[in-house]
Amino acid sequence: MCNTGKTKIIDAARTIISEHGIQGATIRGIAEEAGVSTGAIYHYYSSKEAILYDVMDDGLSEMKRISTISTEQKKKFETLIQEIFDSMQERFQKDAESRLQFYLAHEAILGNEELKHKFKDKYKDWIDRLEIIFVQAYHIEPGPLTKAVAAWTLAGIDGMVLQILLETNTVNLTHINQILDYLLNEGFTHFFQIIGNE
């Protein structure tokens, strides 16, 4: 099996999760859905959680796409900000991937060292990419504070996604989007001016 085989496994896992939930996704079920042996699965993955991680990672790739676009193409501020806004809307709607993220994070917190290491690397990548987006969009110099802003922003996104999954409905999504729009168009501009003077 080559990469297409690995893709088949990820696609099969996605199908199994949608039909049977995270707990119902087994190595055997994923193998049957992919049309491969369980041995073939273990050629690529050490555990079910490792497969689920790749399913999640594949589904939550907006940050990678936007940071690649922002560095490869010189876009107008308004265009880049709109793409960031749109990607956040997509992120808020990715229930299956978000549920996987929190399930796997829970497993990592409980002691799954492989997942903990993967999440450490993934959060570093997400934060680095978000910082690149900020640097490109707001024409600022990167530094410890811009990275801290990226970390706080990502924490805010995670927190909002968690509230959506829990259906807390404490704040109307329309108002959340108004604040997101304000932050992207005005708030971050002023904030980066403030920390740029420190």
Protein backbone atom coordinates (compact mmCIF):
# COMPACT_ATOMS: atom_id res chain seq x y z
CA MET A 1 0.00 0.00 0.00
CA CYS A 2 1.17 3.50 -0.77
CA ASN A 3 -0.25 6.87 0.24
CA THR A 4 -3.49 6.04 -1.55
CA GLY A 5 -3.79 3.13 0.89
CA LYS A 6 -3.36 5.49 3.82
CA THR A 7 -5.96 7.81 2.31
CA LYS A 8 -8.34 4.84 2.03
CA ILE A 9 -7.85 4.16 5.74
CA ILE A 10 -8.57 7.78 6.68
CA ASP A 11 -11.65 7.89 4.44
CA ALA A 12 -12.87 4.59 5.89
CA ALA A 13 -12.37 5.86 9.44
CA ARG A 14 -14.33 9.00 8.60
CA THR A 15 -17.20 6.85 7.29
CA ILE A 16 -17.17 4.56 10.34
CA ILE A 17 -17.16 7.53 12.72
CA SER A 18 -20.11 9.13 10.92
CA GLU A 19 -22.08 5.86 11.11
CA HIS A 20 -21.06 4.50 14.52
CA GLY A 21 -19.49 7.40 16.44
CA ILE A 22 -15.98 7.69 17.84
CA GLN A 23 -16.42 4.87 20.36
CA GLY A 24 -17.79 2.60 17.63
CA ALA A 25 -14.77 3.09 15.39
CA THR A 26 -12.62 -0.02 15.70
CA ILE A 27 -9.50 -1.08 13.84
CA ARG A 28 -11.39 -4.10 12.49
CA GLY A 29 -14.32 -1.95 11.31
CA ILE A 30 -12.03 0.59 9.68
CA ALA A 31 -10.08 -2.21 7.95
CA GLU A 32 -13.29 -3.78 6.60
CA GLU A 33 -14.56 -0.42 5.36
CA ALA A 34 -11.20 0.31 3.67
CA GLY A 35 -11.04 -3.18 2.15
CA VAL A 36 -7.68 -3.97 3.76
CA SER A 37 -6.43 -6.31 6.48
CA THR A 38 -5.89 -5.17 10.06
CA GLY A 39 -2.20 -5.92 9.47
CA ALA A 40 -2.18 -3.37 6.66
CA ILE A 41 -3.66 -0.82 9.04
CA TYR A 42 -0.90 -1.47 11.60
CA HIS A 43 1.67 -0.96 8.86
CA TYR A 44 0.71 2.74 8.98
CA TYR A 45 -0.82 3.27 12.41
CA SER A 46 0.08 2.12 15.90
CA SER A 47 -3.45 2.57 17.29
CA LYS A 48 -7.01 3.62 16.58
CA GLU A 49 -6.25 7.01 18.16
CA ALA A 50 -3.44 7.59 15.65
CA ILE A 51 -5.91 7.04 12.79
CA LEU A 52 -8.47 9.33 14.42
CA TYR A 53 -5.79 11.98 14.83
CA ASP A 54 -5.10 11.96 11.08
CA VAL A 55 -8.84 12.15 10.36
CA MET A 56 -9.05 15.21 12.61
CA ASP A 57 -5.88 16.77 11.21
CA ASP A 58 -7.09 16.31 7.63
CA GLY A 59 -10.41 17.97 8.45
CA LEU A 60 -8.97 20.95 10.31
CA SER A 61 -6.62 22.24 7.63
CA GLU A 62 -7.98 25.79 7.16
CA MET A 63 -5.06 27.39 8.98
CA LYS A 64 -2.56 25.64 6.74
CA ARG A 65 -4.41 26.72 3.60
CA ILE A 66 -4.70 30.37 4.65
CA SER A 67 -1.11 30.68 5.87
CA THR A 68 0.11 29.17 2.59
CA ILE A 69 -2.03 31.61 0.61
CA SER A 70 -0.90 34.58 2.72
CA THR A 71 2.78 33.86 2.17
CA GLU A 72 2.61 32.81 -1.48
CA GLN A 73 0.30 35.56 -2.71
CA LYS A 74 0.27 39.23 -1.88
CA LYS A 75 -3.42 39.80 -1.28
CA LYS A 76 -5.24 42.93 -0.25
CA PHE A 77 -5.95 43.26 3.45
CA GLU A 78 -9.71 43.02 2.89
CA THR A 79 -9.40 39.83 0.83
CA LEU A 80 -7.16 38.10 3.36
CA ILE A 81 -9.38 39.14 6.28
CA GLN A 82 -12.46 37.82 4.47
CA GLU A 83 -10.71 34.49 3.88
CA ILE A 84 -9.81 34.28 7.58
CA PHE A 85 -13.41 35.11 8.55
CA ASP A 86 -14.80 32.51 6.14
CA SER A 87 -12.39 29.84 7.41
CA MET A 88 -13.53 30.53 10.99
CA GLN A 89 -17.13 30.00 9.88
CA GLU A 90 -16.09 26.65 8.37
CA ARG A 91 -14.27 25.75 11.59
CA PHE A 92 -17.35 26.44 13.69
CA GLN A 93 -19.38 24.07 11.50
CA LYS A 94 -16.99 21.10 11.58
CA ASP A 95 -18.74 19.18 14.34
CA ALA A 96 -17.27 15.74 13.56
CA GLU A 97 -13.67 16.97 13.42
CA SER A 98 -14.15 19.13 16.51
CA ARG A 99 -15.59 16.22 18.48
CA LEU A 100 -12.56 14.17 17.43
CA GLN A 101 -10.22 16.96 18.53
CA PHE A 102 -11.69 17.11 22.03
CA TYR A 103 -11.96 13.31 22.33
CA LEU A 104 -8.30 12.92 21.38
CA ALA A 105 -7.24 15.83 23.61
CA HIS A 106 -9.01 14.08 26.49
CA GLU A 107 -7.08 10.87 25.73
CA ALA A 108 -3.82 12.86 25.66
CA ILE A 109 -4.61 14.51 29.00
CA LEU A 110 -5.31 11.07 30.49
CA GLY A 111 -1.80 9.97 29.56
CA ASN A 112 -1.62 8.90 25.92
CA GLU A 113 1.93 10.11 25.32
CA GLU A 114 1.81 9.57 21.55
CA LEU A 115 -1.24 11.81 21.25
CA LYS A 116 0.21 14.36 23.67
CA HIS A 117 3.31 14.63 21.49
CA LYS A 118 1.19 14.95 18.33
CA PHE A 119 -0.92 17.70 19.90
CA LYS A 120 2.18 19.55 21.10
CA ASP A 121 3.52 19.57 17.54
CA LYS A 122 0.11 20.42 16.07
CA TYR A 123 -0.51 23.37 18.38
CA LYS A 124 2.96 24.69 17.65
CA ASP A 125 2.18 24.43 13.93
CA TRP A 126 -1.26 26.07 14.31
CA ILE A 127 0.16 28.91 16.41
CA ASP A 128 3.11 29.46 14.04
CA ARG A 129 0.75 29.53 11.06
CA LEU A 130 -1.66 31.91 12.78
CA GLU A 131 1.25 34.21 13.59
CA ILE A 132 2.28 34.13 9.90
CA ILE A 133 -1.27 35.12 8.95
CA PHE A 134 -1.19 38.02 11.43
CA VAL A 135 2.23 39.19 10.21
CA GLN A 136 1.05 39.16 6.57
CA ALA A 137 -2.40 40.64 7.18
CA TYR A 138 -1.42 43.41 9.60
CA HIS A 139 2.12 44.13 8.31
CA ILE A 140 3.79 43.60 11.67
CA GLU A 141 7.09 42.20 12.80
CA PRO A 142 6.96 38.71 14.35
CA GLY A 143 8.08 38.30 17.93
CA PRO A 144 7.20 36.78 21.31
CA LEU A 145 4.09 38.95 21.72
CA THR A 146 2.72 38.23 18.24
CA LYS A 147 3.12 34.51 18.99
CA ALA A 148 1.32 35.03 22.31
CA VAL A 149 -1.54 36.78 20.48
CA ALA A 150 -1.73 33.80 18.11
CA ALA A 151 -1.84 31.39 21.09
CA TRP A 152 -4.62 33.38 22.79
CA THR A 153 -6.57 33.61 19.54
CA LEU A 154 -6.34 29.86 19.01
CA ALA A 155 -7.45 29.28 22.60
CA GLY A 156 -10.46 31.52 21.91
CA ILE A 157 -11.34 29.52 18.80
CA ASP A 158 -11.05 26.23 20.70
CA GLY A 159 -13.21 27.61 23.49
CA MET A 160 -15.88 28.85 21.09
CA VAL A 161 -15.93 25.50 19.29
CA LEU A 162 -16.35 23.73 22.64
CA GLN A 163 -19.31 25.98 23.54
CA ILE A 164 -20.90 25.24 20.15
CA LEU A 165 -20.45 21.48 20.65
CA LEU A 166 -21.94 21.69 24.15
CA GLU A 167 -24.82 23.77 22.74
CA THR A 168 -24.51 26.26 25.58
CA ASN A 169 -26.28 28.89 23.44
CA THR A 170 -25.18 31.60 25.88
CA VAL A 171 -24.43 34.03 23.05
CA ASN A 172 -26.11 34.28 19.66
CA LEU A 173 -23.83 33.12 16.83
CA THR A 174 -24.68 36.30 14.91
CA HIS A 175 -23.19 38.38 17.74
CA ILE A 176 -20.15 36.11 17.94
CA ASN A 177 -19.57 36.69 14.22
CA GLN A 178 -19.99 40.47 14.67
CA ILE A 179 -17.23 40.43 17.28
CA LEU A 180 -15.03 38.25 15.06
CA ASP A 181 -15.54 40.69 12.19
CA TYR A 182 -14.69 43.64 14.45
CA LEU A 183 -11.59 41.93 15.82
CA LEU A 184 -10.28 41.06 12.36
CA ASN A 185 -10.99 44.44 10.77
CA GLU A 186 -10.34 46.85 13.64
CA GLY A 187 -9.44 45.22 16.94
CA PHE A 188 -6.28 43.38 15.96
CA THR A 189 -5.03 46.42 14.03
CA HIS A 190 -5.17 48.58 17.18
CA PHE A 191 -3.93 45.80 19.42
CA PHE A 192 -0.85 45.14 17.31
CA GLN A 193 -0.10 48.89 17.36
CA ILE A 194 -0.18 48.81 21.16
CA ILE A 195 2.11 45.81 21.57
CA GLY A 196 4.38 47.12 18.81
CA ASN A 197 5.21 50.10 21.02
CA GLU A 198 6.35 47.91 23.92
